[in-house]
Amino acid sequence: MQTLDLKLAARAPKLDDRPLDKRVGLIALATDHTTEVDFQRMVANERIGVYATRIPYANPVTPANLRAMQPSLTSAAALILPDEPLDVVMYSCTSASVVIGDAEVRAAIRAAKPTAAVVTPTAAAASGLRAFGAKRIAVLTPYTIETSKPMADYFLALGFDLARFTCLGLTDDREMARISRRKSLPSRRKRLRPIATHSSSPARRFARRGWQPKSRLRSASRSSPATLPPPGPACAFAATRRCDRSAAA
């Protein structure tokens, strides 16, 4: 039998401050099939690392069940690289961000990660709409009317004019993640086209993180409307932008 002579290196290796320059934390629902995969694809690169955790959640998608996640937000954020700072933390649930509130989500996450910028899908989407100069919008959600109404109220409170608001009536977010792009997109666009193609309604919004319509990003000042990305890409843009800002600071 061979005898190994194990030796300890004479010098400890030099350590970088971080394996990657920037850290983006992601809080995804326990039932979420899409956000973690999408965020890795859209945000992670040789400079930015995406570090995900899960938060307890149980269907159906109702305002009460969405609100029930609020007490777990701080502990979920604390699980992401414990005792280490993050540059950004993104909470991936659009409907819960509306029901709980952007400010409340931000406070809960910063209780665990006080220096992190916090991104919610709703705030990121609103910022994107404003960047396109959109004021009159049409919204399509996969939710029931009960779950969608707080979202309608959210955008109205921000000063947007809701030209049309359509709900698909689903109550299971696992089904929402499986909506077929090939079969569903034409019907979505057809439902929104009568109002969205009018020059006074420059933006259509697809309101859920897991939907991935092929987006045409164009100036909202044109007579033809812009098809804006769903909240997932809006959040990815917001997260990478905040990383760029902190790098420049």
Protein backbone atom coordinates (compact mmCIF):
# COMPACT_ATOMS: atom_id res chain seq x y z
CA MET A 1 0.00 0.00 0.00
CA GLN A 2 1.37 3.40 -0.99
CA THR A 3 2.23 5.82 1.78
CA LEU A 4 1.48 9.45 1.01
CA ASP A 5 3.55 12.25 2.40
CA LEU A 6 1.12 15.16 2.68
CA LYS A 7 2.70 18.58 3.02
CA LEU A 8 1.24 21.94 3.91
CA ALA A 9 2.20 24.71 1.51
CA ALA A 10 4.71 27.12 2.94
CA ARG A 11 2.62 30.13 1.99
CA ALA A 12 -1.11 30.73 2.03
CA PRO A 13 -2.64 31.59 -1.37
CA LYS A 14 -3.48 35.19 -2.18
CA LEU A 15 -7.22 35.83 -2.01
CA ASP A 16 -9.26 38.20 -4.13
CA ASP A 17 -11.83 40.36 -2.40
CA ARG A 18 -14.58 38.46 -4.26
CA PRO A 19 -14.73 35.63 -6.80
CA LEU A 20 -16.77 38.01 -9.01
CA ASP A 21 -16.92 41.81 -8.85
CA LYS A 22 -20.66 42.11 -8.32
CA ARG A 23 -23.21 40.06 -6.39
CA VAL A 24 -26.88 39.93 -7.32
CA GLY A 25 -29.17 38.05 -4.96
CA LEU A 26 -32.41 36.52 -6.23
CA ILE A 27 -35.37 35.55 -4.05
CA ALA A 28 -37.58 33.16 -6.00
CA LEU A 29 -40.78 31.44 -4.96
CA ALA A 30 -40.54 27.80 -3.93
CA THR A 31 -42.79 26.91 -6.87
CA ASP A 32 -41.03 29.09 -9.48
CA HIS A 33 -39.88 27.22 -12.61
CA THR A 34 -38.49 30.08 -14.68
CA THR A 35 -36.95 33.06 -12.89
CA GLU A 36 -33.74 31.45 -11.68
CA VAL A 37 -32.97 30.07 -15.15
CA ASP A 38 -33.87 33.36 -16.85
CA PHE A 39 -31.89 35.50 -14.42
CA GLN A 40 -28.78 33.39 -14.86
CA ARG A 41 -29.12 33.81 -18.62
CA MET A 42 -29.85 37.54 -18.58
CA VAL A 43 -27.68 38.80 -15.70
CA ALA A 44 -24.82 36.44 -14.84
CA ASN A 45 -21.52 36.99 -16.64
CA GLU A 46 -17.80 37.06 -15.94
CA ARG A 47 -18.28 40.14 -13.74
CA ILE A 48 -21.69 39.55 -12.10
CA GLY A 49 -22.66 36.52 -10.05
CA VAL A 50 -26.29 35.59 -9.40
CA TYR A 51 -26.96 33.90 -6.06
CA ALA A 52 -30.47 32.52 -5.59
CA THR A 53 -32.58 31.37 -2.69
CA ARG A 54 -36.20 30.25 -2.34
CA ILE A 55 -39.03 31.59 -0.23
CA PRO A 56 -41.89 29.38 1.04
CA TYR A 57 -45.03 29.67 -1.07
CA ALA A 58 -48.12 27.56 -1.71
CA ASN A 59 -50.72 27.90 -4.45
CA PRO A 60 -53.35 29.11 -5.28
CA VAL A 61 -52.26 32.60 -6.29
CA THR A 62 -54.47 34.80 -4.15
CA PRO A 63 -53.80 38.15 -2.43
CA ALA A 64 -53.82 36.39 0.96
CA ASN A 65 -51.29 33.75 -0.06
CA LEU A 66 -49.08 36.35 -1.71
CA ARG A 67 -49.15 38.56 1.38
CA ALA A 68 -48.21 35.57 3.54
CA MET A 69 -44.68 35.67 2.09
CA GLN A 70 -43.86 39.01 3.69
CA PRO A 71 -42.64 37.62 7.08
CA SER A 72 -40.21 35.28 5.26
CA LEU A 73 -38.53 37.92 3.10
CA THR A 74 -35.88 38.89 5.65
CA SER A 75 -34.85 35.31 6.43
CA ALA A 76 -34.78 34.46 2.73
CA ALA A 77 -32.47 37.38 2.00
CA ALA A 78 -30.25 36.42 4.94
CA LEU A 79 -29.67 32.97 3.40
CA ILE A 80 -27.95 34.49 0.36
CA LEU A 81 -24.22 34.52 1.16
CA PRO A 82 -24.79 34.89 4.92
CA ASP A 83 -23.04 37.84 6.59
CA GLU A 84 -21.70 39.08 3.24
CA PRO A 85 -22.91 42.19 1.41
CA LEU A 86 -24.82 42.04 -1.86
CA ASP A 87 -24.96 44.76 -4.49
CA VAL A 88 -28.55 44.02 -5.53
CA VAL A 89 -31.37 41.80 -4.29
CA MET A 90 -34.29 41.07 -6.60
CA TYR A 91 -37.60 39.69 -5.32
CA SER A 92 -39.08 37.83 -8.25
CA CYS A 93 -42.83 37.86 -7.56
CA THR A 94 -44.74 40.53 -9.47
CA SER A 95 -48.14 40.05 -7.86
CA ALA A 96 -46.73 39.77 -4.32
CA SER A 97 -44.72 42.97 -4.82
CA VAL A 98 -48.01 44.74 -5.49
CA VAL A 99 -49.91 43.14 -2.61
CA ILE A 100 -47.11 43.56 -0.06
CA GLY A 101 -45.88 46.89 -1.45
CA ASP A 102 -42.54 47.92 -2.94
CA ALA A 103 -41.51 49.85 0.17
CA GLU A 104 -42.39 46.96 2.50
CA VAL A 105 -40.46 44.47 0.35
CA ARG A 106 -37.49 46.82 0.33
CA ALA A 107 -37.54 47.24 4.11
CA ALA A 108 -37.80 43.51 4.76
CA ILE A 109 -34.87 42.66 2.48
CA ARG A 110 -32.68 45.48 3.78
CA ALA A 111 -33.20 44.21 7.32
CA ALA A 112 -30.89 41.36 6.24
CA LYS A 113 -28.87 43.09 3.47
CA PRO A 114 -28.78 46.77 4.47
CA THR A 115 -26.45 47.97 1.71
CA ALA A 116 -28.16 46.21 -1.20
CA ALA A 117 -30.27 47.93 -3.81
CA VAL A 118 -33.65 46.17 -3.89
CA VAL A 119 -35.45 45.49 -7.17
CA THR A 120 -39.09 44.45 -7.46
CA PRO A 121 -40.77 43.50 -10.75
CA THR A 122 -43.45 46.16 -10.39
CA ALA A 123 -41.07 49.04 -9.71
CA ALA A 124 -38.76 47.87 -12.52
CA ALA A 125 -41.70 47.65 -14.94
CA ALA A 126 -42.95 51.12 -13.99
CA SER A 127 -39.47 52.53 -14.47
CA GLY A 128 -39.26 50.90 -17.89
CA LEU A 129 -42.64 52.29 -18.92
CA ARG A 130 -41.58 55.78 -17.91
CA ALA A 131 -38.30 55.40 -19.81
CA PHE A 132 -40.33 54.71 -22.95
CA GLY A 133 -42.53 57.71 -22.26
CA ALA A 134 -45.56 55.45 -21.88
CA LYS A 135 -48.57 56.94 -20.16
CA ARG A 136 -51.53 55.00 -21.54
CA ILE A 137 -50.94 51.27 -21.24
CA ALA A 138 -52.67 47.94 -21.81
CA VAL A 139 -51.91 45.14 -19.36
CA LEU A 140 -52.34 41.38 -19.65
CA THR A 141 -51.92 39.14 -16.59
CA PRO A 142 -52.28 35.38 -16.08
CA TYR A 143 -54.05 35.96 -12.76
CA THR A 144 -57.67 36.05 -11.65
CA ILE A 145 -59.53 39.35 -11.45
CA GLU A 146 -59.19 39.31 -7.65
CA THR A 147 -55.39 39.02 -7.84
CA SER A 148 -55.09 41.43 -10.77
CA LYS A 149 -57.09 44.28 -9.25
CA PRO A 150 -54.30 45.37 -6.84
CA MET A 151 -51.99 45.55 -9.85
CA ALA A 152 -54.42 47.76 -11.73
CA ASP A 153 -54.69 50.00 -8.68
CA TYR A 154 -50.87 50.10 -8.46
CA PHE A 155 -50.41 51.48 -11.97
CA LEU A 156 -53.31 53.89 -11.61
CA ALA A 157 -51.75 55.25 -8.42
CA LEU A 158 -48.51 55.86 -10.33
CA GLY A 159 -50.35 57.99 -12.84
CA PHE A 160 -50.69 55.55 -15.74
CA ASP A 161 -53.88 55.44 -17.77
CA LEU A 162 -55.10 51.85 -18.14
CA ALA A 163 -56.56 51.59 -21.63
CA ARG A 164 -57.28 47.88 -21.15
CA PHE A 165 -56.60 45.26 -18.48
CA THR A 166 -57.09 41.57 -19.34
CA CYS A 167 -56.76 38.56 -17.00
CA LEU A 168 -56.36 34.90 -18.01
CA GLY A 169 -57.83 33.57 -14.75
CA LEU A 170 -55.08 31.13 -13.69
CA THR A 171 -54.51 30.35 -10.01
CA ASP A 172 -51.43 28.07 -10.13
CA ASP A 173 -48.09 29.72 -10.88
CA ARG A 174 -46.70 26.41 -12.14
CA GLU A 175 -49.28 26.54 -14.92
CA MET A 176 -48.41 30.16 -15.62
CA ALA A 177 -44.82 29.09 -16.25
CA ARG A 178 -46.03 26.60 -18.86
CA ILE A 179 -48.11 28.95 -21.00
CA SER A 180 -47.12 28.10 -24.56
CA ARG A 181 -45.36 30.90 -26.38
CA ARG A 182 -46.24 29.51 -29.77
CA LYS A 183 -49.97 29.11 -29.15
CA SER A 184 -50.61 31.87 -26.65
CA LEU A 185 -48.78 34.89 -28.02
CA PRO A 186 -50.97 35.44 -31.06
CA SER A 187 -54.10 35.42 -28.91
CA ARG A 188 -52.48 37.78 -26.41
CA ARG A 189 -51.52 40.25 -29.10
CA LYS A 190 -54.93 39.96 -30.74
CA ARG A 191 -56.65 40.75 -27.46
CA LEU A 192 -54.54 43.84 -26.93
CA ARG A 193 -54.22 45.06 -30.52
CA PRO A 194 -57.50 47.03 -30.78
CA ILE A 195 -56.39 49.41 -28.06
CA ALA A 196 -52.61 49.03 -28.06
CA THR A 197 -52.07 49.91 -31.70
CA HIS A 198 -53.77 53.26 -31.22
CA SER A 199 -51.20 56.04 -31.05
CA SER A 200 -52.48 57.18 -27.66
CA SER A 201 -51.75 53.76 -26.15
CA PRO A 202 -48.01 53.34 -26.80
CA ALA A 203 -47.21 50.43 -24.54
CA ARG A 204 -48.38 46.89 -23.86
CA ARG A 205 -47.26 45.22 -20.67
CA PHE A 206 -47.11 41.46 -20.09
CA ALA A 207 -47.33 41.16 -16.32
CA ARG A 208 -45.52 38.13 -15.08
CA ARG A 209 -41.90 37.16 -14.62
CA GLY A 210 -42.15 33.84 -16.51
CA TRP A 211 -43.67 35.09 -19.74
CA GLN A 212 -41.16 35.70 -22.50
CA PRO A 213 -42.77 37.30 -25.53
CA LYS A 214 -40.43 38.30 -28.33
CA SER A 215 -40.06 41.96 -27.49
CA ARG A 216 -39.84 44.81 -29.97
CA LEU A 217 -38.24 47.73 -28.11
CA ARG A 218 -39.02 50.89 -29.99
CA SER A 219 -39.63 54.52 -29.21
CA ALA A 220 -43.02 55.05 -27.60
CA SER A 221 -43.28 58.38 -29.38
CA ARG A 222 -43.89 56.65 -32.71
CA SER A 223 -47.42 56.01 -33.90
CA SER A 224 -46.77 52.28 -33.79
CA PRO A 225 -46.64 50.99 -30.19
CA ALA A 226 -43.70 49.55 -28.33
CA THR A 227 -44.04 45.99 -27.07
CA LEU A 228 -42.29 46.19 -23.73
CA PRO A 229 -40.58 43.25 -22.06
CA PRO A 230 -42.27 41.48 -19.14
CA PRO A 231 -41.06 42.18 -15.59
CA GLY A 232 -38.25 39.57 -15.74
CA PRO A 233 -36.17 41.40 -18.36
CA ALA A 234 -37.07 44.73 -16.74
CA CYS A 235 -35.67 43.42 -13.44
CA ALA A 236 -32.57 42.07 -15.16
CA PHE A 237 -31.93 45.47 -16.72
CA ALA A 238 -32.47 47.21 -13.37
CA ALA A 239 -30.11 44.83 -11.57
CA THR A 240 -27.28 45.14 -14.11
CA ARG A 241 -27.72 48.92 -14.25
CA ARG A 242 -27.34 49.17 -10.48
CA CYS A 243 -24.20 47.03 -10.67
CA ASP A 244 -22.81 49.37 -13.31
CA ARG A 245 -23.63 52.41 -11.18
CA SER A 246 -21.88 51.00 -8.12
CA ALA A 247 -18.85 50.11 -10.24
CA ALA A 248 -18.63 53.69 -11.49
CA ALA A 249 -19.00 55.16 -7.99
